[in-house]
Amino acid sequence: MSNSSKKNHILIVEDEDIIRSSLRKLLERHDYVVSDAVSIKSALELFDFSEFSLIISDLRLPGQLGTDLIQLAKPVPVLIMTSYASLRSAVDTMRQGAVDYISKPFDHDEMMVSVRRIIDAPKKAVEVPSGLSLEDYFTRFVLENQAHMSETDLAEKLGISRKSLWQRRNKLGLNRKKAADQSKLIDKLIK
């Protein structure tokens, strides 16, 4: 497969027909070549993962967790979707090496922004240090994304309510208006 066609080739691993079909149609409308499978076992039997520029997988699949694809598909990036979003599962998924984490039902615009960002990004590993606490992850995520995400989107992405987001922000002293000063905290958290 040529590099130009690989750049637009996405594998969906999702056991729910309606979600798999909906995501396939969305991606194809945006000119991506899409292949799909209902399980990791099926994907392994049907495809060479190196042919893809991105794999989008459900977290909970028959027989295996979608996060197993992160190691199986390396260096191909894996985006994880889940109906069971929580801050803890987001942190755990990112620690395992997922490039993004999206709650189902997913917003079409959010999905496409994420897909474009992943495919167009220079290929470097996204690392979430294994020692990063939930609070540190929360702080880092909010500081890195608050400039371009609404409160609703931030809360949804973290798998928490807007009220919980507000409460955690207050507890940690993360004021949206002080974002410029707080961005220095990101550097401390990464080091």
C-alpha atoms as a PDB file:
ATOM      1  CA  MET A   1       0.000   0.000   0.000  1.00  0.00           C
ATOM      2  CA  SER A   2       1.400   3.432  -0.886  1.00  0.00           C
ATOM      3  CA  ASN A   3       2.088   6.029   1.798  1.00  0.00           C
ATOM      4  CA  SER A   4      -0.634   8.363   0.485  1.00  0.00           C
ATOM      5  CA  SER A   5      -3.334   5.717   0.737  1.00  0.00           C
ATOM      6  CA  LYS A   6      -2.004   4.516   4.108  1.00  0.00           C
ATOM      7  CA  LYS A   7      -2.319   8.063   5.427  1.00  0.00           C
ATOM      8  CA  ASN A   8      -6.081   7.879   5.024  1.00  0.00           C
ATOM      9  CA  HIS A   9      -6.693   4.259   6.038  1.00  0.00           C
ATOM     10  CA  ILE A  10      -8.449   3.715   9.369  1.00  0.00           C
ATOM     11  CA  LEU A  11      -9.398   0.470  11.113  1.00  0.00           C
ATOM     12  CA  ILE A  12     -12.479   0.401  13.350  1.00  0.00           C
ATOM     13  CA  VAL A  13     -12.684  -2.388  15.936  1.00  0.00           C
ATOM     14  CA  GLU A  14     -16.177  -2.242  17.432  1.00  0.00           C
ATOM     15  CA  ASP A  15     -18.625  -5.025  18.285  1.00  0.00           C
ATOM     16  CA  GLU A  16     -21.797  -2.888  18.141  1.00  0.00           C
ATOM     17  CA  ASP A  17     -23.029  -2.879  14.530  1.00  0.00           C
ATOM     18  CA  ILE A  18     -24.782   0.475  14.728  1.00  0.00           C
ATOM     19  CA  ILE A  19     -21.758   2.288  16.136  1.00  0.00           C
ATOM     20  CA  ARG A  20     -19.345   0.597  13.735  1.00  0.00           C
ATOM     21  CA  SER A  21     -21.595   1.462  10.778  1.00  0.00           C
ATOM     22  CA  SER A  22     -22.149   5.052  11.927  1.00  0.00           C
ATOM     23  CA  LEU A  23     -18.441   5.657  12.464  1.00  0.00           C
ATOM     24  CA  ARG A  24     -17.601   4.068   9.112  1.00  0.00           C
ATOM     25  CA  LYS A  25     -20.057   6.376   7.301  1.00  0.00           C
ATOM     26  CA  LEU A  26     -18.749   9.438   9.134  1.00  0.00           C
ATOM     27  CA  LEU A  27     -15.133   8.674   8.244  1.00  0.00           C
ATOM     28  CA  GLU A  28     -15.941   7.793   4.630  1.00  0.00           C
ATOM     29  CA  ARG A  29     -17.830  11.097   4.244  1.00  0.00           C
ATOM     30  CA  HIS A  30     -14.551  12.763   5.165  1.00  0.00           C
ATOM     31  CA  ASP A  31     -12.624  10.797   2.514  1.00  0.00           C
ATOM     32  CA  TYR A  32     -10.996   8.194   4.728  1.00  0.00           C
ATOM     33  CA  VAL A  33     -10.630   4.594   3.596  1.00  0.00           C
ATOM     34  CA  VAL A  34     -12.158   2.458   6.334  1.00  0.00           C
ATOM     35  CA  SER A  35     -11.886  -1.210   7.280  1.00  0.00           C
ATOM     36  CA  ASP A  36     -13.596  -2.765  10.263  1.00  0.00           C
ATOM     37  CA  ALA A  37     -13.722  -5.767  12.542  1.00  0.00           C
ATOM     38  CA  VAL A  38     -15.970  -6.892  15.404  1.00  0.00           C
ATOM     39  CA  SER A  39     -13.152  -8.066  17.707  1.00  0.00           C
ATOM     40  CA  ILE A  40      -9.399  -8.008  18.095  1.00  0.00           C
ATOM     41  CA  LYS A  41      -9.240 -11.683  17.108  1.00  0.00           C
ATOM     42  CA  SER A  42     -11.109 -10.896  13.889  1.00  0.00           C
ATOM     43  CA  ALA A  43      -8.903  -7.863  13.206  1.00  0.00           C
ATOM     44  CA  LEU A  44      -5.748  -9.939  13.669  1.00  0.00           C
ATOM     45  CA  GLU A  45      -7.043 -12.581  11.245  1.00  0.00           C
ATOM     46  CA  LEU A  46      -8.120 -10.071   8.584  1.00  0.00           C
ATOM     47  CA  PHE A  47      -5.550  -7.270   8.620  1.00  0.00           C
ATOM     48  CA  ASP A  48      -1.922  -6.277   8.860  1.00  0.00           C
ATOM     49  CA  PHE A  49      -2.090  -3.389  11.341  1.00  0.00           C
ATOM     50  CA  SER A  50       0.863  -1.636   9.705  1.00  0.00           C
ATOM     51  CA  GLU A  51      -1.445  -0.834   6.752  1.00  0.00           C
ATOM     52  CA  PHE A  52      -3.373   1.664   8.878  1.00  0.00           C
ATOM     53  CA  SER A  53      -2.676   5.225   9.909  1.00  0.00           C
ATOM     54  CA  LEU A  54      -5.080   4.962  12.866  1.00  0.00           C
ATOM     55  CA  ILE A  55      -7.066   2.322  14.746  1.00  0.00           C
ATOM     56  CA  ILE A  56     -10.269   3.310  16.530  1.00  0.00           C
ATOM     57  CA  SER A  57     -11.420   0.711  19.037  1.00  0.00           C
ATOM     58  CA  ASP A  58     -14.085   0.204  21.642  1.00  0.00           C
ATOM     59  CA  LEU A  59     -12.640  -0.303  25.120  1.00  0.00           C
ATOM     60  CA  ARG A  60     -14.776  -3.364  25.890  1.00  0.00           C
ATOM     61  CA  LEU A  61     -14.707  -5.963  23.147  1.00  0.00           C
ATOM     62  CA  PRO A  62     -15.579  -9.673  23.103  1.00  0.00           C
ATOM     63  CA  GLY A  63     -12.597 -11.651  24.358  1.00  0.00           C
ATOM     64  CA  GLN A  64     -10.173  -8.774  24.941  1.00  0.00           C
ATOM     65  CA  LEU A  65      -9.959  -5.133  25.921  1.00  0.00           C
ATOM     66  CA  GLY A  66      -9.486  -2.596  23.152  1.00  0.00           C
ATOM     67  CA  THR A  67      -6.386  -1.344  24.944  1.00  0.00           C
ATOM     68  CA  ASP A  68      -4.686  -4.632  23.996  1.00  0.00           C
ATOM     69  CA  LEU A  69      -4.487  -3.174  20.479  1.00  0.00           C
ATOM     70  CA  ILE A  70      -2.064  -0.499  21.690  1.00  0.00           C
ATOM     71  CA  GLN A  71       0.733  -3.060  22.014  1.00  0.00           C
ATOM     72  CA  LEU A  72      -0.431  -5.292  19.153  1.00  0.00           C
ATOM     73  CA  ALA A  73      -0.552  -2.430  16.630  1.00  0.00           C
ATOM     74  CA  LYS A  74       2.559  -0.458  17.610  1.00  0.00           C
ATOM     75  CA  PRO A  75       3.543   1.997  16.172  1.00  0.00           C
ATOM     76  CA  VAL A  76       0.056   2.649  14.747  1.00  0.00           C
ATOM     77  CA  PRO A  77      -1.846   5.043  17.040  1.00  0.00           C
ATOM     78  CA  VAL A  78      -4.960   3.712  18.798  1.00  0.00           C
ATOM     79  CA  LEU A  79      -7.926   5.889  19.776  1.00  0.00           C
ATOM     80  CA  ILE A  80     -10.177   4.288  22.396  1.00  0.00           C
ATOM     81  CA  MET A  81     -13.968   4.808  22.616  1.00  0.00           C
ATOM     82  CA  THR A  82     -16.065   3.813  25.586  1.00  0.00           C
ATOM     83  CA  SER A  83     -19.576   4.026  26.970  1.00  0.00           C
ATOM     84  CA  TYR A  84     -18.083   3.723  30.460  1.00  0.00           C
ATOM     85  CA  ALA A  85     -16.146   6.985  30.617  1.00  0.00           C
ATOM     86  CA  SER A  86     -14.547   8.059  33.863  1.00  0.00           C
ATOM     87  CA  LEU A  87     -11.490  10.043  34.814  1.00  0.00           C
ATOM     88  CA  ARG A  88      -9.811   6.863  36.096  1.00  0.00           C
ATOM     89  CA  SER A  89     -10.431   4.900  32.871  1.00  0.00           C
ATOM     90  CA  ALA A  90      -9.224   7.874  30.799  1.00  0.00           C
ATOM     91  CA  VAL A  91      -5.983   8.051  32.781  1.00  0.00           C
ATOM     92  CA  ASP A  92      -5.474   4.285  32.659  1.00  0.00           C
ATOM     93  CA  THR A  93      -6.108   4.202  28.912  1.00  0.00           C
ATOM     94  CA  MET A  94      -3.711   7.074  28.222  1.00  0.00           C
ATOM     95  CA  ARG A  95      -1.063   5.484  30.483  1.00  0.00           C
ATOM     96  CA  GLN A  96      -1.282   2.364  28.345  1.00  0.00           C
ATOM     97  CA  GLY A  97      -0.470   4.441  25.265  1.00  0.00           C
ATOM     98  CA  ALA A  98      -3.780   5.385  23.629  1.00  0.00           C
ATOM     99  CA  VAL A  99      -3.531   8.622  21.647  1.00  0.00           C
ATOM    100  CA  ASP A 100      -7.023   9.725  22.629  1.00  0.00           C
ATOM    101  CA  TYR A 101     -10.092   8.656  24.547  1.00  0.00           C
ATOM    102  CA  ILE A 102     -13.635   9.470  23.406  1.00  0.00           C
ATOM    103  CA  SER A 103     -16.911   8.822  25.204  1.00  0.00           C
ATOM    104  CA  LYS A 104     -19.803   7.133  23.429  1.00  0.00           C
ATOM    105  CA  PRO A 105     -22.112   8.216  22.081  1.00  0.00           C
ATOM    106  CA  PHE A 106     -19.489  10.349  20.385  1.00  0.00           C
ATOM    107  CA  ASP A 107     -19.956  13.802  18.942  1.00  0.00           C
ATOM    108  CA  HIS A 108     -19.211  13.701  15.199  1.00  0.00           C
ATOM    109  CA  ASP A 109     -17.267  16.966  15.245  1.00  0.00           C
ATOM    110  CA  GLU A 110     -15.197  15.891  18.248  1.00  0.00           C
ATOM    111  CA  MET A 111     -14.405  12.580  16.565  1.00  0.00           C
ATOM    112  CA  MET A 112     -13.305  14.237  13.337  1.00  0.00           C
ATOM    113  CA  VAL A 113     -11.160  16.819  15.154  1.00  0.00           C
ATOM    114  CA  SER A 114      -9.451  14.013  17.032  1.00  0.00           C
ATOM    115  CA  VAL A 115      -8.962  11.834  13.928  1.00  0.00           C
ATOM    116  CA  ARG A 116      -7.478  14.730  11.917  1.00  0.00           C
ATOM    117  CA  ARG A 117      -5.218  15.757  14.796  1.00  0.00           C
ATOM    118  CA  ILE A 118      -3.891  12.211  15.203  1.00  0.00           C
ATOM    119  CA  ILE A 119      -3.387  11.524  11.505  1.00  0.00           C
ATOM    120  CA  ASP A 120      -1.862  14.922  10.732  1.00  0.00           C
ATOM    121  CA  ALA A 121       0.381  15.016  13.811  1.00  0.00           C
ATOM    122  CA  PRO A 122       4.038  14.212  13.530  1.00  0.00           C
ATOM    123  CA  LYS A 123       4.486  10.633  14.695  1.00  0.00           C
ATOM    124  CA  LYS A 124       5.735  10.835  18.246  1.00  0.00           C
ATOM    125  CA  ALA A 125       4.705   8.829  21.241  1.00  0.00           C
ATOM    126  CA  VAL A 126       2.177  10.389  23.557  1.00  0.00           C
ATOM    127  CA  GLU A 127       3.361   9.625  27.037  1.00  0.00           C
ATOM    128  CA  VAL A 128       1.457   9.847  30.264  1.00  0.00           C
ATOM    129  CA  PRO A 129       3.947   9.144  33.017  1.00  0.00           C
ATOM    130  CA  SER A 130       2.980   6.053  34.994  1.00  0.00           C
ATOM    131  CA  GLY A 131       3.421   7.908  38.289  1.00  0.00           C
ATOM    132  CA  LEU A 132       0.957  10.653  37.330  1.00  0.00           C
ATOM    133  CA  SER A 133      -1.871  10.864  39.871  1.00  0.00           C
ATOM    134  CA  LEU A 134      -5.490  11.412  38.881  1.00  0.00           C
ATOM    135  CA  GLU A 135      -5.293  14.995  40.136  1.00  0.00           C
ATOM    136  CA  ASP A 136      -2.084  15.651  38.175  1.00  0.00           C
ATOM    137  CA  TYR A 137      -3.627  14.136  35.046  1.00  0.00           C
ATOM    138  CA  PHE A 138      -6.758  16.242  35.542  1.00  0.00           C
ATOM    139  CA  THR A 139      -4.690  19.414  36.013  1.00  0.00           C
ATOM    140  CA  ARG A 140      -2.533  18.679  32.985  1.00  0.00           C
ATOM    141  CA  PHE A 141      -5.507  17.828  30.781  1.00  0.00           C
ATOM    142  CA  VAL A 142      -7.503  20.918  31.781  1.00  0.00           C
ATOM    143  CA  LEU A 143      -4.555  23.281  31.363  1.00  0.00           C
ATOM    144  CA  GLU A 144      -3.647  21.849  27.958  1.00  0.00           C
ATOM    145  CA  ASN A 145      -7.199  21.889  26.596  1.00  0.00           C
ATOM    146  CA  GLN A 146      -9.191  24.683  28.220  1.00  0.00           C
ATOM    147  CA  ALA A 147      -8.222  27.255  25.592  1.00  0.00           C
ATOM    148  CA  HIS A 148      -9.913  25.318  22.784  1.00  0.00           C
ATOM    149  CA  MET A 149     -12.588  23.282  24.582  1.00  0.00           C
ATOM    150  CA  SER A 150     -15.812  24.369  26.250  1.00  0.00           C
ATOM    151  CA  GLU A 151     -16.566  23.392  29.850  1.00  0.00           C
ATOM    152  CA  THR A 152     -19.080  20.849  28.581  1.00  0.00           C
ATOM    153  CA  ASP A 153     -16.516  19.303  26.233  1.00  0.00           C
ATOM    154  CA  LEU A 154     -13.832  19.201  28.941  1.00  0.00           C
ATOM    155  CA  ALA A 155     -16.220  17.494  31.364  1.00  0.00           C
ATOM    156  CA  GLU A 156     -17.391  15.013  28.718  1.00  0.00           C
ATOM    157  CA  LYS A 157     -13.835  14.164  27.707  1.00  0.00           C
ATOM    158  CA  LEU A 158     -12.901  13.539  31.332  1.00  0.00           C
ATOM    159  CA  GLY A 159     -16.018  11.461  31.894  1.00  0.00           C
ATOM    160  CA  ILE A 160     -17.306  13.713  34.682  1.00  0.00           C
ATOM    161  CA  SER A 161     -20.180  16.173  35.087  1.00  0.00           C
ATOM    162  CA  ARG A 162     -19.735  19.920  34.615  1.00  0.00           C
ATOM    163  CA  LYS A 163     -20.407  20.315  38.329  1.00  0.00           C
ATOM    164  CA  SER A 164     -17.586  17.873  39.152  1.00  0.00           C
ATOM    165  CA  LEU A 165     -15.309  19.736  36.749  1.00  0.00           C
ATOM    166  CA  TRP A 166     -16.137  23.017  38.485  1.00  0.00           C
ATOM    167  CA  GLN A 167     -15.590  21.481  41.931  1.00  0.00           C
ATOM    168  CA  ARG A 168     -12.233  19.962  40.963  1.00  0.00           C
ATOM    169  CA  ARG A 169     -11.122  23.240  39.341  1.00  0.00           C
ATOM    170  CA  ASN A 170     -11.946  25.142  42.537  1.00  0.00           C
ATOM    171  CA  LYS A 171     -10.267  22.554  44.765  1.00  0.00           C
ATOM    172  CA  LEU A 172      -7.083  22.741  42.653  1.00  0.00           C
ATOM    173  CA  GLY A 173      -7.250  26.498  42.065  1.00  0.00           C
ATOM    174  CA  LEU A 174      -7.551  26.106  38.297  1.00  0.00           C
ATOM    175  CA  ASN A 175      -9.273  29.255  37.114  1.00  0.00           C
ATOM    176  CA  ARG A 176      -9.932  29.527  33.379  1.00  0.00           C
ATOM    177  CA  LYS A 177      -8.927  33.213  33.455  1.00  0.00           C
ATOM    178  CA  LYS A 178      -5.515  32.398  34.902  1.00  0.00           C
ATOM    179  CA  ALA A 179      -4.707  29.936  32.117  1.00  0.00           C
ATOM    180  CA  ALA A 180      -1.587  31.767  30.960  1.00  0.00           C
ATOM    181  CA  ASP A 181      -0.003  31.649  34.423  1.00  0.00           C
ATOM    182  CA  GLN A 182      -1.109  28.079  35.006  1.00  0.00           C
ATOM    183  CA  SER A 183       0.376  26.784  31.763  1.00  0.00           C
ATOM    184  CA  LYS A 184       3.723  26.737  33.596  1.00  0.00           C
ATOM    185  CA  LEU A 185       2.262  23.981  35.780  1.00  0.00           C
ATOM    186  CA  ILE A 186       2.078  21.736  32.725  1.00  0.00           C
ATOM    187  CA  ASP A 187       5.850  21.815  32.367  1.00  0.00           C
ATOM    188  CA  LYS A 188       6.251  20.838  36.038  1.00  0.00           C
ATOM    189  CA  LEU A 189       3.822  17.941  35.661  1.00  0.00           C
ATOM    190  CA  ILE A 190       5.563  16.601  32.578  1.00  0.00           C
ATOM    191  CA  LYS A 191       9.006  16.664  34.194  1.00  0.00           C
END
